[in-house]
Amino acid sequence: MPVWGSARRWEGSKRTRSRTAATDAPAPGWSPAAAGQRSRAAWSVRPLPPPGRAPHRQPTRAASIAERPRRVHCGSAARSERADQGDPMATYVLVHGAYQGGWIWKPVAERLRAAGHRVLAPTLDGCAERHDQVRPGITVATHGQEIAKLLFYEDLDRVMLVGTSSGGMVICKAAELARERIARLFFVDALALMSGERVGDIVKRAAPNDTSSITTGPTRADAEKRLFADLDPDTRAWALARYTPHPVAALEAPVELAGFWSQAWPTTVVRCRRAVNPPEAHQRRTAERLKGDWHELDTGHYPMLSQPEQLTRLLLAPVSGPGFLTGASPRCTVPGEA
């Protein structure tokens, strides 16, 4: 039989168990490690209290842990509890763009989690690790529905919804479908089309595409030399290994938005100066229509890979103070920002 503590402590515990008619079987959840952590006072023999008086209980470590404030994720009651505790934790949903997957957000997601926030970076239908599911009928609308369903089934509230590249179109549709769950929209070098517009109306390029009946995208050589050109060699190789064509209808079908642009949305627009697409005029239209905050980063189209620290600071700005719970949105300054 293993021995924990001194002989005096063991004998004292036997006498205590005898007085209380307890069995020698350990209680549920009991372990030698936990027993070894108890204080000497908790194991010492105490006289039984006089009749009519409640026994004295020494506070235990388990009790102190149980009394700590719980960190919760969503719902109006949760927001109130967070406000009372001064807990600024937010929920970020990061939506990737064309030829990408949730993988592209990895450097930013790690930083947001390290700051204490909840982060989801889903891969959209037909993309990246879900590329073997690609089929006709995948559109911006179905991708938007997918994100709206994610917010519902994960019971997410006060969501910081972030979209990059063509993911900007997706977050517009998702926000329209899940209005009450959105705290703020972030367009990171992103497209935000009006209802009826097509990507081809905004993005003009002469680069060759590999297009089939269900997917489209730049050739792998073009992706390496143009899309990922500003990344360091190791990051470029890592991204290129994960590059996949995009569902064609999600880039060629006209966007359908019934009421997105007629509503007010707290918004941040981040333009990447070294990227040709989306054009600056298009991104400024987004900021002006939504009365959003405007920021610029001196990098290419993939700031989550080339400047993850700077981009993370921009995403954290609205939750860096009490404004997250009140609806205010403080600005922040990033090195290299205009």
C-alpha atoms as a PDB file:
ATOM      1  CA  MET A   1       0.000   0.000   0.000  1.00  0.00           C
ATOM      2  CA  PRO A   2       1.450   3.402  -0.926  1.00  0.00           C
ATOM      3  CA  VAL A   3       2.145   5.868   1.878  1.00  0.00           C
ATOM      4  CA  TRP A   4       1.381   9.613   1.529  1.00  0.00           C
ATOM      5  CA  GLY A   5       2.760  12.005   4.160  1.00  0.00           C
ATOM      6  CA  SER A   6       4.046  11.094   7.603  1.00  0.00           C
ATOM      7  CA  ALA A   7       2.889   8.163   9.745  1.00  0.00           C
ATOM      8  CA  ARG A   8       1.213  10.629  12.112  1.00  0.00           C
ATOM      9  CA  ARG A   9      -0.780  12.109   9.209  1.00  0.00           C
ATOM     10  CA  TRP A  10      -1.828   8.605   8.014  1.00  0.00           C
ATOM     11  CA  GLU A  11      -2.866   7.494  11.511  1.00  0.00           C
ATOM     12  CA  GLY A  12      -4.794  10.746  11.999  1.00  0.00           C
ATOM     13  CA  SER A  13      -6.687  10.215   8.797  1.00  0.00           C
ATOM     14  CA  LYS A  14      -7.658   6.676   9.873  1.00  0.00           C
ATOM     15  CA  ARG A  15      -9.024   7.920  13.176  1.00  0.00           C
ATOM     16  CA  THR A  16     -11.002  10.634  11.376  1.00  0.00           C
ATOM     17  CA  ARG A  17     -12.491   8.119   8.950  1.00  0.00           C
ATOM     18  CA  SER A  18     -13.409   5.833  11.829  1.00  0.00           C
ATOM     19  CA  ARG A  19     -15.259   8.618  13.651  1.00  0.00           C
ATOM     20  CA  THR A  20     -17.254   9.555  10.569  1.00  0.00           C
ATOM     21  CA  ALA A  21     -17.993   5.946   9.592  1.00  0.00           C
ATOM     22  CA  ALA A  22     -16.451   6.535   6.165  1.00  0.00           C
ATOM     23  CA  THR A  23     -15.293   3.618   4.041  1.00  0.00           C
ATOM     24  CA  ASP A  24     -11.722   3.058   2.956  1.00  0.00           C
ATOM     25  CA  ALA A  25     -12.742   3.317  -0.736  1.00  0.00           C
ATOM     26  CA  PRO A  26     -11.546   6.557  -2.353  1.00  0.00           C
ATOM     27  CA  ALA A  27     -14.201   9.111  -3.277  1.00  0.00           C
ATOM     28  CA  PRO A  28     -14.982   9.739  -6.937  1.00  0.00           C
ATOM     29  CA  GLY A  29     -12.400  12.020  -8.510  1.00  0.00           C
ATOM     30  CA  TRP A  30      -9.878  11.243  -5.734  1.00  0.00           C
ATOM     31  CA  SER A  31      -6.246  10.580  -6.631  1.00  0.00           C
ATOM     32  CA  PRO A  32      -2.972  10.224  -4.749  1.00  0.00           C
ATOM     33  CA  ALA A  33      -1.686  13.349  -6.478  1.00  0.00           C
ATOM     34  CA  ALA A  34      -4.668  15.353  -5.297  1.00  0.00           C
ATOM     35  CA  ALA A  35      -4.314  13.951  -1.795  1.00  0.00           C
ATOM     36  CA  GLY A  36      -0.652  14.863  -1.714  1.00  0.00           C
ATOM     37  CA  GLN A  37      -1.490  18.480  -2.473  1.00  0.00           C
ATOM     38  CA  ARG A  38      -3.801  18.913   0.531  1.00  0.00           C
ATOM     39  CA  SER A  39      -2.504  21.071   3.311  1.00  0.00           C
ATOM     40  CA  ARG A  40      -1.357  19.682   6.662  1.00  0.00           C
ATOM     41  CA  ALA A  41      -4.357  21.336   8.292  1.00  0.00           C
ATOM     42  CA  ALA A  42      -6.773  19.458   6.073  1.00  0.00           C
ATOM     43  CA  TRP A  43      -5.279  16.088   7.164  1.00  0.00           C
ATOM     44  CA  SER A  44      -4.822  16.818  10.889  1.00  0.00           C
ATOM     45  CA  VAL A  45      -7.189  15.360  13.472  1.00  0.00           C
ATOM     46  CA  ARG A  46      -9.835  17.792  14.722  1.00  0.00           C
ATOM     47  CA  PRO A  47     -12.131  17.175  17.733  1.00  0.00           C
ATOM     48  CA  LEU A  48     -15.772  16.611  16.905  1.00  0.00           C
ATOM     49  CA  PRO A  49     -17.883  19.781  17.410  1.00  0.00           C
ATOM     50  CA  PRO A  50     -20.327  20.047  20.325  1.00  0.00           C
ATOM     51  CA  PRO A  51     -23.884  18.864  19.568  1.00  0.00           C
ATOM     52  CA  GLY A  52     -25.838  21.414  17.529  1.00  0.00           C
ATOM     53  CA  ARG A  53     -22.808  23.114  16.000  1.00  0.00           C
ATOM     54  CA  ALA A  54     -21.776  22.677  12.381  1.00  0.00           C
ATOM     55  CA  PRO A  55     -18.314  21.207  11.894  1.00  0.00           C
ATOM     56  CA  HIS A  56     -15.536  23.574  10.920  1.00  0.00           C
ATOM     57  CA  ARG A  57     -14.429  23.168   7.288  1.00  0.00           C
ATOM     58  CA  GLN A  58     -11.012  24.180   6.108  1.00  0.00           C
ATOM     59  CA  PRO A  59     -11.204  25.872   2.665  1.00  0.00           C
ATOM     60  CA  THR A  60      -9.767  23.582   0.014  1.00  0.00           C
ATOM     61  CA  ARG A  61      -8.035  24.238  -3.293  1.00  0.00           C
ATOM     62  CA  ALA A  62     -10.986  22.703  -5.157  1.00  0.00           C
ATOM     63  CA  ALA A  63     -13.377  25.176  -3.579  1.00  0.00           C
ATOM     64  CA  SER A  64     -11.252  28.135  -4.593  1.00  0.00           C
ATOM     65  CA  ILE A  65     -11.124  26.916  -8.193  1.00  0.00           C
ATOM     66  CA  ALA A  66     -14.877  26.417  -8.301  1.00  0.00           C
ATOM     67  CA  GLU A  67     -15.388  29.976  -7.118  1.00  0.00           C
ATOM     68  CA  ARG A  68     -13.347  31.499  -9.937  1.00  0.00           C
ATOM     69  CA  PRO A  69     -15.300  33.408 -12.625  1.00  0.00           C
ATOM     70  CA  ARG A  70     -16.232  31.257 -15.597  1.00  0.00           C
ATOM     71  CA  ARG A  71     -15.221  32.395 -19.094  1.00  0.00           C
ATOM     72  CA  VAL A  72     -18.156  32.104 -21.440  1.00  0.00           C
ATOM     73  CA  HIS A  73     -18.525  32.604 -25.155  1.00  0.00           C
ATOM     74  CA  CYS A  74     -21.885  33.902 -26.286  1.00  0.00           C
ATOM     75  CA  GLY A  75     -25.406  35.095 -25.528  1.00  0.00           C
ATOM     76  CA  SER A  76     -26.674  38.296 -23.930  1.00  0.00           C
ATOM     77  CA  ALA A  77     -26.236  36.903 -20.419  1.00  0.00           C
ATOM     78  CA  ALA A  78     -22.673  35.963 -21.339  1.00  0.00           C
ATOM     79  CA  ARG A  79     -21.967  39.501 -22.534  1.00  0.00           C
ATOM     80  CA  SER A  80     -23.262  40.878 -19.232  1.00  0.00           C
ATOM     81  CA  GLU A  81     -21.072  38.465 -17.285  1.00  0.00           C
ATOM     82  CA  ARG A  82     -18.042  39.393 -19.381  1.00  0.00           C
ATOM     83  CA  ALA A  83     -18.747  43.069 -18.824  1.00  0.00           C
ATOM     84  CA  ASP A  84     -18.978  42.566 -15.049  1.00  0.00           C
ATOM     85  CA  GLN A  85     -15.690  40.671 -15.026  1.00  0.00           C
ATOM     86  CA  GLY A  86     -13.884  42.991 -17.438  1.00  0.00           C
ATOM     87  CA  ASP A  87     -13.224  40.013 -19.712  1.00  0.00           C
ATOM     88  CA  PRO A  88     -12.624  41.269 -23.279  1.00  0.00           C
ATOM     89  CA  MET A  89     -12.703  37.827 -24.940  1.00  0.00           C
ATOM     90  CA  ALA A  90     -14.185  37.965 -28.445  1.00  0.00           C
ATOM     91  CA  THR A  91     -15.062  35.401 -31.085  1.00  0.00           C
ATOM     92  CA  TYR A  92     -13.377  35.667 -34.481  1.00  0.00           C
ATOM     93  CA  VAL A  93     -14.543  33.780 -37.557  1.00  0.00           C
ATOM     94  CA  LEU A  94     -11.926  34.034 -40.304  1.00  0.00           C
ATOM     95  CA  VAL A  95     -13.135  33.383 -43.855  1.00  0.00           C
ATOM     96  CA  HIS A  96     -10.579  32.634 -46.553  1.00  0.00           C
ATOM     97  CA  GLY A  97     -10.675  33.619 -50.205  1.00  0.00           C
ATOM     98  CA  ALA A  98     -10.237  31.887 -53.544  1.00  0.00           C
ATOM     99  CA  TYR A  99      -7.585  29.163 -53.956  1.00  0.00           C
ATOM    100  CA  GLN A 100      -7.211  29.040 -50.176  1.00  0.00           C
ATOM    101  CA  GLY A 101      -8.572  27.255 -47.127  1.00  0.00           C
ATOM    102  CA  GLY A 102      -8.746  27.857 -43.412  1.00  0.00           C
ATOM    103  CA  TRP A 103      -5.020  27.070 -43.383  1.00  0.00           C
ATOM    104  CA  ILE A 104      -4.142  30.537 -44.658  1.00  0.00           C
ATOM    105  CA  TRP A 105      -5.235  32.115 -41.362  1.00  0.00           C
ATOM    106  CA  LYS A 106      -2.963  29.949 -39.206  1.00  0.00           C
ATOM    107  CA  PRO A 107      -0.396  32.647 -38.228  1.00  0.00           C
ATOM    108  CA  VAL A 108      -3.146  35.146 -37.350  1.00  0.00           C
ATOM    109  CA  ALA A 109      -5.355  32.576 -35.610  1.00  0.00           C
ATOM    110  CA  GLU A 110      -2.471  31.563 -33.352  1.00  0.00           C
ATOM    111  CA  ARG A 111      -1.904  35.182 -32.334  1.00  0.00           C
ATOM    112  CA  LEU A 112      -5.582  35.852 -31.664  1.00  0.00           C
ATOM    113  CA  ARG A 113      -5.828  32.728 -29.500  1.00  0.00           C
ATOM    114  CA  ALA A 114      -2.693  33.742 -27.629  1.00  0.00           C
ATOM    115  CA  ALA A 115      -4.469  37.022 -26.851  1.00  0.00           C
ATOM    116  CA  GLY A 116      -7.287  35.039 -25.220  1.00  0.00           C
ATOM    117  CA  HIS A 117      -9.899  35.061 -27.975  1.00  0.00           C
ATOM    118  CA  ARG A 118     -11.928  32.291 -29.545  1.00  0.00           C
ATOM    119  CA  VAL A 119     -11.073  31.700 -33.214  1.00  0.00           C
ATOM    120  CA  LEU A 120     -12.664  29.620 -35.948  1.00  0.00           C
ATOM    121  CA  ALA A 121     -11.141  29.447 -39.436  1.00  0.00           C
ATOM    122  CA  PRO A 122     -13.391  27.100 -41.428  1.00  0.00           C
ATOM    123  CA  THR A 123     -12.599  25.828 -44.906  1.00  0.00           C
ATOM    124  CA  LEU A 124     -15.428  26.520 -47.337  1.00  0.00           C
ATOM    125  CA  ASP A 125     -17.191  23.840 -49.359  1.00  0.00           C
ATOM    126  CA  GLY A 126     -15.100  22.613 -52.292  1.00  0.00           C
ATOM    127  CA  CYS A 127     -11.866  24.269 -51.132  1.00  0.00           C
ATOM    128  CA  ALA A 128      -8.511  23.062 -49.751  1.00  0.00           C
ATOM    129  CA  GLU A 129      -8.985  19.833 -47.753  1.00  0.00           C
ATOM    130  CA  ARG A 130     -12.608  19.783 -48.954  1.00  0.00           C
ATOM    131  CA  HIS A 131     -11.573  20.019 -52.609  1.00  0.00           C
ATOM    132  CA  ASP A 132     -12.653  16.441 -53.288  1.00  0.00           C
ATOM    133  CA  GLN A 133     -16.238  17.571 -52.551  1.00  0.00           C
ATOM    134  CA  VAL A 134     -16.248  20.239 -55.285  1.00  0.00           C
ATOM    135  CA  ARG A 135     -19.286  20.049 -57.580  1.00  0.00           C
ATOM    136  CA  PRO A 136     -21.580  22.296 -59.605  1.00  0.00           C
ATOM    137  CA  GLY A 137     -23.794  24.656 -57.626  1.00  0.00           C
ATOM    138  CA  ILE A 138     -21.274  25.943 -55.077  1.00  0.00           C
ATOM    139  CA  THR A 139     -21.689  29.730 -55.076  1.00  0.00           C
ATOM    140  CA  VAL A 140     -21.141  32.772 -52.898  1.00  0.00           C
ATOM    141  CA  ALA A 141     -24.694  32.228 -51.645  1.00  0.00           C
ATOM    142  CA  THR A 142     -24.040  28.631 -50.549  1.00  0.00           C
ATOM    143  CA  HIS A 143     -20.751  29.630 -48.935  1.00  0.00           C
ATOM    144  CA  GLY A 144     -22.534  32.445 -47.090  1.00  0.00           C
ATOM    145  CA  GLN A 145     -25.199  30.022 -45.900  1.00  0.00           C
ATOM    146  CA  GLU A 146     -22.446  27.712 -44.706  1.00  0.00           C
ATOM    147  CA  ILE A 147     -20.921  30.417 -42.509  1.00  0.00           C
ATOM    148  CA  ALA A 148     -24.341  31.530 -41.213  1.00  0.00           C
ATOM    149  CA  LYS A 149     -25.076  27.926 -40.214  1.00  0.00           C
ATOM    150  CA  LEU A 150     -21.720  27.696 -38.475  1.00  0.00           C
ATOM    151  CA  LEU A 151     -22.617  30.717 -36.352  1.00  0.00           C
ATOM    152  CA  PHE A 152     -25.965  29.132 -35.476  1.00  0.00           C
ATOM    153  CA  TYR A 153     -24.811  25.609 -34.673  1.00  0.00           C
ATOM    154  CA  GLU A 154     -21.787  26.816 -32.711  1.00  0.00           C
ATOM    155  CA  ASP A 155     -24.065  29.290 -30.882  1.00  0.00           C
ATOM    156  CA  LEU A 156     -21.743  32.175 -31.705  1.00  0.00           C
ATOM    157  CA  ASP A 157     -22.678  35.730 -30.780  1.00  0.00           C
ATOM    158  CA  ARG A 158     -20.991  39.147 -31.120  1.00  0.00           C
ATOM    159  CA  VAL A 159     -18.853  37.679 -33.885  1.00  0.00           C
ATOM    160  CA  MET A 160     -15.937  39.531 -35.425  1.00  0.00           C
ATOM    161  CA  LEU A 161     -16.447  38.265 -38.982  1.00  0.00           C
ATOM    162  CA  VAL A 162     -13.332  38.567 -41.139  1.00  0.00           C
ATOM    163  CA  GLY A 163     -13.117  37.968 -44.888  1.00  0.00           C
ATOM    164  CA  THR A 164     -10.204  38.240 -47.280  1.00  0.00           C
ATOM    165  CA  SER A 165     -10.160  38.362 -51.081  1.00  0.00           C
ATOM    166  CA  SER A 166     -13.336  36.656 -52.386  1.00  0.00           C
ATOM    167  CA  GLY A 167     -14.131  35.808 -48.759  1.00  0.00           C
ATOM    168  CA  GLY A 168     -15.351  39.396 -48.496  1.00  0.00           C
ATOM    169  CA  MET A 169     -18.330  38.467 -50.666  1.00  0.00           C
ATOM    170  CA  VAL A 170     -18.986  35.473 -48.431  1.00  0.00           C
ATOM    171  CA  ILE A 171     -19.074  37.478 -45.208  1.00  0.00           C
ATOM    172  CA  CYS A 172     -21.524  39.933 -46.803  1.00  0.00           C
ATOM    173  CA  LYS A 173     -23.940  37.079 -47.487  1.00  0.00           C
ATOM    174  CA  ALA A 174     -23.349  35.427 -44.112  1.00  0.00           C
ATOM    175  CA  ALA A 175     -23.923  38.722 -42.287  1.00  0.00           C
ATOM    176  CA  GLU A 176     -27.159  39.285 -44.187  1.00  0.00           C
ATOM    177  CA  LEU A 177     -28.373  35.840 -43.071  1.00  0.00           C
ATOM    178  CA  ALA A 178     -27.203  36.135 -39.445  1.00  0.00           C
ATOM    179  CA  ARG A 179     -27.577  39.844 -38.707  1.00  0.00           C
ATOM    180  CA  GLU A 180     -28.109  39.500 -34.960  1.00  0.00           C
ATOM    181  CA  ARG A 181     -24.898  37.504 -34.471  1.00  0.00           C
ATOM    182  CA  ILE A 182     -22.462  39.997 -35.995  1.00  0.00           C
ATOM    183  CA  ALA A 183     -20.464  42.524 -33.963  1.00  0.00           C
ATOM    184  CA  ARG A 184     -18.163  43.759 -36.703  1.00  0.00           C
ATOM    185  CA  LEU A 185     -17.080  43.045 -40.275  1.00  0.00           C
ATOM    186  CA  PHE A 186     -13.457  43.119 -41.436  1.00  0.00           C
ATOM    187  CA  PHE A 187     -12.645  43.269 -45.143  1.00  0.00           C
ATOM    188  CA  VAL A 188      -8.976  42.343 -45.564  1.00  0.00           C
ATOM    189  CA  ASP A 189      -7.965  43.265 -49.129  1.00  0.00           C
ATOM    190  CA  ALA A 190     -11.398  41.918 -49.959  1.00  0.00           C
ATOM    191  CA  LEU A 191     -14.129  42.022 -52.555  1.00  0.00           C
ATOM    192  CA  ALA A 192     -17.548  43.331 -51.506  1.00  0.00           C
ATOM    193  CA  LEU A 193     -19.870  43.260 -54.497  1.00  0.00           C
ATOM    194  CA  MET A 194     -23.249  44.863 -54.960  1.00  0.00           C
ATOM    195  CA  SER A 195     -26.178  42.598 -55.753  1.00  0.00           C
ATOM    196  CA  GLY A 196     -25.978  41.558 -59.403  1.00  0.00           C
ATOM    197  CA  GLU A 197     -22.264  42.286 -59.794  1.00  0.00           C
ATOM    198  CA  ARG A 198     -19.753  39.632 -60.840  1.00  0.00           C
ATOM    199  CA  VAL A 199     -16.111  39.318 -59.857  1.00  0.00           C
ATOM    200  CA  GLY A 200     -15.186  39.948 -63.491  1.00  0.00           C
ATOM    201  CA  ASP A 201     -16.815  43.379 -63.250  1.00  0.00           C
ATOM    202  CA  ILE A 202     -14.260  44.383 -60.620  1.00  0.00           C
ATOM    203  CA  VAL A 203     -11.150  42.264 -61.147  1.00  0.00           C
ATOM    204  CA  LYS A 204      -9.343  42.546 -64.472  1.00  0.00           C
ATOM    205  CA  ARG A 205      -6.380  40.299 -65.183  1.00  0.00           C
ATOM    206  CA  ALA A 206      -4.702  38.849 -68.233  1.00  0.00           C
ATOM    207  CA  ALA A 207      -3.065  35.954 -66.409  1.00  0.00           C
ATOM    208  CA  PRO A 208      -3.941  32.476 -67.723  1.00  0.00           C
ATOM    209  CA  ASN A 209      -6.483  30.440 -65.805  1.00  0.00           C
ATOM    210  CA  ASP A 210      -7.084  26.721 -65.624  1.00  0.00           C
ATOM    211  CA  THR A 211     -10.868  26.544 -65.856  1.00  0.00           C
ATOM    212  CA  SER A 212     -13.087  23.471 -65.984  1.00  0.00           C
ATOM    213  CA  SER A 213     -16.828  23.011 -65.657  1.00  0.00           C
ATOM    214  CA  ILE A 214     -16.581  23.123 -61.858  1.00  0.00           C
ATOM    215  CA  THR A 215     -13.319  24.901 -60.883  1.00  0.00           C
ATOM    216  CA  THR A 216     -11.172  27.821 -61.948  1.00  0.00           C
ATOM    217  CA  GLY A 217      -7.896  29.379 -60.894  1.00  0.00           C
ATOM    218  CA  PRO A 218      -4.481  30.609 -61.992  1.00  0.00           C
ATOM    219  CA  THR A 219      -1.971  28.080 -63.179  1.00  0.00           C
ATOM    220  CA  ARG A 220       0.378  26.822 -60.495  1.00  0.00           C
ATOM    221  CA  ALA A 221       3.260  28.708 -62.098  1.00  0.00           C
ATOM    222  CA  ASP A 222       1.256  31.936 -62.044  1.00  0.00           C
ATOM    223  CA  ALA A 223       0.268  31.340 -58.434  1.00  0.00           C
ATOM    224  CA  GLU A 224       3.933  30.996 -57.502  1.00  0.00           C
ATOM    225  CA  LYS A 225       5.193  33.998 -59.475  1.00  0.00           C
ATOM    226  CA  ARG A 226       2.263  36.376 -58.957  1.00  0.00           C
ATOM    227  CA  LEU A 227      -0.116  35.432 -56.132  1.00  0.00           C
ATOM    228  CA  PHE A 228       2.571  34.459 -53.621  1.00  0.00           C
ATOM    229  CA  ALA A 229       5.391  36.594 -55.049  1.00  0.00           C
ATOM    230  CA  ASP A 230       5.902  38.780 -51.964  1.00  0.00           C
ATOM    231  CA  LEU A 231       6.164  35.864 -49.530  1.00  0.00           C
ATOM    232  CA  ASP A 232       9.509  34.577 -48.298  1.00  0.00           C
ATOM    233  CA  PRO A 233      10.634  31.350 -50.028  1.00  0.00           C
ATOM    234  CA  ASP A 234       9.634  28.990 -47.205  1.00  0.00           C
ATOM    235  CA  THR A 235       6.197  30.549 -46.760  1.00  0.00           C
ATOM    236  CA  ARG A 236       5.688  30.638 -50.529  1.00  0.00           C
ATOM    237  CA  ALA A 237       6.440  26.916 -50.807  1.00  0.00           C
ATOM    238  CA  TRP A 238       4.138  26.166 -47.859  1.00  0.00           C
ATOM    239  CA  ALA A 239       1.263  28.139 -49.408  1.00  0.00           C
ATOM    240  CA  LEU A 240       1.802  26.771 -52.916  1.00  0.00           C
ATOM    241  CA  ALA A 241       1.609  23.207 -51.601  1.00  0.00           C
ATOM    242  CA  ARG A 242      -1.894  24.035 -50.298  1.00  0.00           C
ATOM    243  CA  TYR A 243      -3.125  25.959 -53.332  1.00  0.00           C
ATOM    244  CA  THR A 244      -6.331  24.561 -54.905  1.00  0.00           C
ATOM    245  CA  PRO A 245      -8.636  25.848 -57.672  1.00  0.00           C
ATOM    246  CA  HIS A 246     -11.882  27.509 -56.567  1.00  0.00           C
ATOM    247  CA  PRO A 247     -15.477  26.459 -57.339  1.00  0.00           C
ATOM    248  CA  VAL A 248     -16.128  28.273 -60.604  1.00  0.00           C
ATOM    249  CA  ALA A 249     -19.664  29.511 -59.868  1.00  0.00           C
ATOM    250  CA  ALA A 250     -18.429  31.149 -56.653  1.00  0.00           C
ATOM    251  CA  LEU A 251     -16.287  33.450 -58.818  1.00  0.00           C
ATOM    252  CA  GLU A 252     -18.378  33.801 -61.971  1.00  0.00           C
ATOM    253  CA  ALA A 253     -22.036  33.845 -60.887  1.00  0.00           C
ATOM    254  CA  PRO A 254     -23.571  37.239 -60.000  1.00  0.00           C
ATOM    255  CA  VAL A 255     -23.834  38.020 -56.304  1.00  0.00           C
ATOM    256  CA  GLU A 256     -27.276  37.995 -54.695  1.00  0.00           C
ATOM    257  CA  LEU A 257     -27.700  40.345 -51.726  1.00  0.00           C
ATOM    258  CA  ALA A 258     -31.213  41.401 -50.802  1.00  0.00           C
ATOM    259  CA  GLY A 259     -30.549  43.780 -47.930  1.00  0.00           C
ATOM    260  CA  PHE A 260     -26.897  43.851 -46.935  1.00  0.00           C
ATOM    261  CA  TRP A 261     -26.049  47.301 -48.293  1.00  0.00           C
ATOM    262  CA  SER A 262     -29.139  48.936 -46.809  1.00  0.00           C
ATOM    263  CA  GLN A 263     -28.074  48.053 -43.255  1.00  0.00           C
ATOM    264  CA  ALA A 264     -25.484  49.581 -40.949  1.00  0.00           C
ATOM    265  CA  TRP A 265     -22.485  47.420 -40.097  1.00  0.00           C
ATOM    266  CA  PRO A 266     -19.525  48.326 -37.886  1.00  0.00           C
ATOM    267  CA  THR A 267     -16.743  47.826 -40.406  1.00  0.00           C
ATOM    268  CA  THR A 268     -12.990  47.827 -40.840  1.00  0.00           C
ATOM    269  CA  VAL A 269     -11.427  47.831 -44.319  1.00  0.00           C
ATOM    270  CA  VAL A 270      -7.760  46.861 -44.674  1.00  0.00           C
ATOM    271  CA  ARG A 271      -6.163  47.509 -48.063  1.00  0.00           C
ATOM    272  CA  CYS A 272      -2.829  45.983 -49.075  1.00  0.00           C
ATOM    273  CA  ARG A 273      -0.850  48.541 -51.059  1.00  0.00           C
ATOM    274  CA  ARG A 274       1.228  46.098 -53.092  1.00  0.00           C
ATOM    275  CA  ALA A 275      -1.763  44.123 -54.355  1.00  0.00           C
ATOM    276  CA  VAL A 276      -3.324  45.061 -57.695  1.00  0.00           C
ATOM    277  CA  ASN A 277      -6.621  43.334 -56.931  1.00  0.00           C
ATOM    278  CA  PRO A 278      -9.074  44.140 -55.533  1.00  0.00           C
ATOM    279  CA  PRO A 279      -8.569  47.691 -56.862  1.00  0.00           C
ATOM    280  CA  GLU A 280      -8.207  50.492 -54.352  1.00  0.00           C
ATOM    281  CA  ALA A 281     -11.321  52.217 -55.734  1.00  0.00           C
ATOM    282  CA  HIS A 282     -13.387  49.111 -55.046  1.00  0.00           C
ATOM    283  CA  GLN A 283     -12.171  48.856 -51.461  1.00  0.00           C
ATOM    284  CA  ARG A 284     -12.748  52.548 -50.850  1.00  0.00           C
ATOM    285  CA  ARG A 285     -16.306  52.081 -52.089  1.00  0.00           C
ATOM    286  CA  THR A 286     -16.784  49.438 -49.391  1.00  0.00           C
ATOM    287  CA  ALA A 287     -15.429  51.728 -46.677  1.00  0.00           C
ATOM    288  CA  GLU A 288     -17.533  54.676 -47.836  1.00  0.00           C
ATOM    289  CA  ARG A 289     -20.786  52.742 -48.219  1.00  0.00           C
ATOM    290  CA  LEU A 290     -20.413  51.130 -44.793  1.00  0.00           C
ATOM    291  CA  LYS A 291     -18.792  54.168 -43.133  1.00  0.00           C
ATOM    292  CA  GLY A 292     -15.967  51.895 -42.087  1.00  0.00           C
ATOM    293  CA  ASP A 293     -12.513  52.487 -40.643  1.00  0.00           C
ATOM    294  CA  TRP A 294      -9.809  52.531 -43.324  1.00  0.00           C
ATOM    295  CA  HIS A 295      -6.336  51.045 -42.863  1.00  0.00           C
ATOM    296  CA  GLU A 296      -3.504  50.165 -45.221  1.00  0.00           C
ATOM    297  CA  LEU A 297      -0.656  47.684 -44.916  1.00  0.00           C
ATOM    298  CA  ASP A 298       2.456  47.922 -47.060  1.00  0.00           C
ATOM    299  CA  THR A 299       2.346  44.346 -48.301  1.00  0.00           C
ATOM    300  CA  GLY A 300       0.837  42.074 -50.932  1.00  0.00           C
ATOM    301  CA  HIS A 301      -2.500  40.276 -51.097  1.00  0.00           C
ATOM    302  CA  TYR A 302      -1.770  37.825 -48.270  1.00  0.00           C
ATOM    303  CA  PRO A 303      -1.052  39.939 -45.175  1.00  0.00           C
ATOM    304  CA  MET A 304      -2.019  37.044 -42.901  1.00  0.00           C
ATOM    305  CA  LEU A 305       1.166  35.351 -44.162  1.00  0.00           C
ATOM    306  CA  SER A 306       3.456  38.308 -44.892  1.00  0.00           C
ATOM    307  CA  GLN A 307       2.525  40.607 -41.974  1.00  0.00           C
ATOM    308  CA  PRO A 308       0.533  38.520 -39.476  1.00  0.00           C
ATOM    309  CA  GLU A 309       1.566  40.639 -36.489  1.00  0.00           C
ATOM    310  CA  GLN A 310       0.404  43.910 -38.030  1.00  0.00           C
ATOM    311  CA  LEU A 311      -2.841  42.399 -39.301  1.00  0.00           C
ATOM    312  CA  THR A 312      -3.576  40.833 -35.917  1.00  0.00           C
ATOM    313  CA  ARG A 313      -3.183  44.230 -34.250  1.00  0.00           C
ATOM    314  CA  LEU A 314      -5.793  45.671 -36.613  1.00  0.00           C
ATOM    315  CA  LEU A 315      -8.197  42.826 -35.861  1.00  0.00           C
ATOM    316  CA  LEU A 316      -7.685  43.298 -32.124  1.00  0.00           C
ATOM    317  CA  ALA A 317      -8.199  47.064 -32.166  1.00  0.00           C
ATOM    318  CA  PRO A 318     -12.004  47.025 -31.670  1.00  0.00           C
ATOM    319  CA  VAL A 319     -11.735  44.676 -28.660  1.00  0.00           C
ATOM    320  CA  SER A 320      -8.693  46.291 -27.051  1.00  0.00           C
ATOM    321  CA  GLY A 321     -10.847  48.381 -24.712  1.00  0.00           C
ATOM    322  CA  PRO A 322     -14.383  48.748 -23.322  1.00  0.00           C
ATOM    323  CA  GLY A 323     -15.667  49.630 -26.793  1.00  0.00           C
ATOM    324  CA  PHE A 324     -16.198  45.937 -27.602  1.00  0.00           C
ATOM    325  CA  LEU A 325     -19.040  45.707 -25.122  1.00  0.00           C
ATOM    326  CA  THR A 326     -20.504  49.121 -25.827  1.00  0.00           C
ATOM    327  CA  GLY A 327     -20.284  49.120 -29.610  1.00  0.00           C
ATOM    328  CA  ALA A 328     -17.545  51.767 -29.906  1.00  0.00           C
ATOM    329  CA  SER A 329     -14.556  51.047 -32.107  1.00  0.00           C
ATOM    330  CA  PRO A 330     -11.214  52.665 -31.289  1.00  0.00           C
ATOM    331  CA  ARG A 331      -8.727  53.203 -34.104  1.00  0.00           C
ATOM    332  CA  CYS A 332      -5.201  51.875 -33.937  1.00  0.00           C
ATOM    333  CA  THR A 333      -1.978  52.817 -35.668  1.00  0.00           C
ATOM    334  CA  VAL A 334       0.208  50.244 -37.373  1.00  0.00           C
ATOM    335  CA  PRO A 335       3.770  50.897 -38.555  1.00  0.00           C
ATOM    336  CA  GLY A 336       3.677  51.636 -42.269  1.00  0.00           C
ATOM    337  CA  GLU A 337       0.013  52.663 -42.197  1.00  0.00           C
ATOM    338  CA  ALA A 338      -1.057  55.841 -43.966  1.00  0.00           C
END
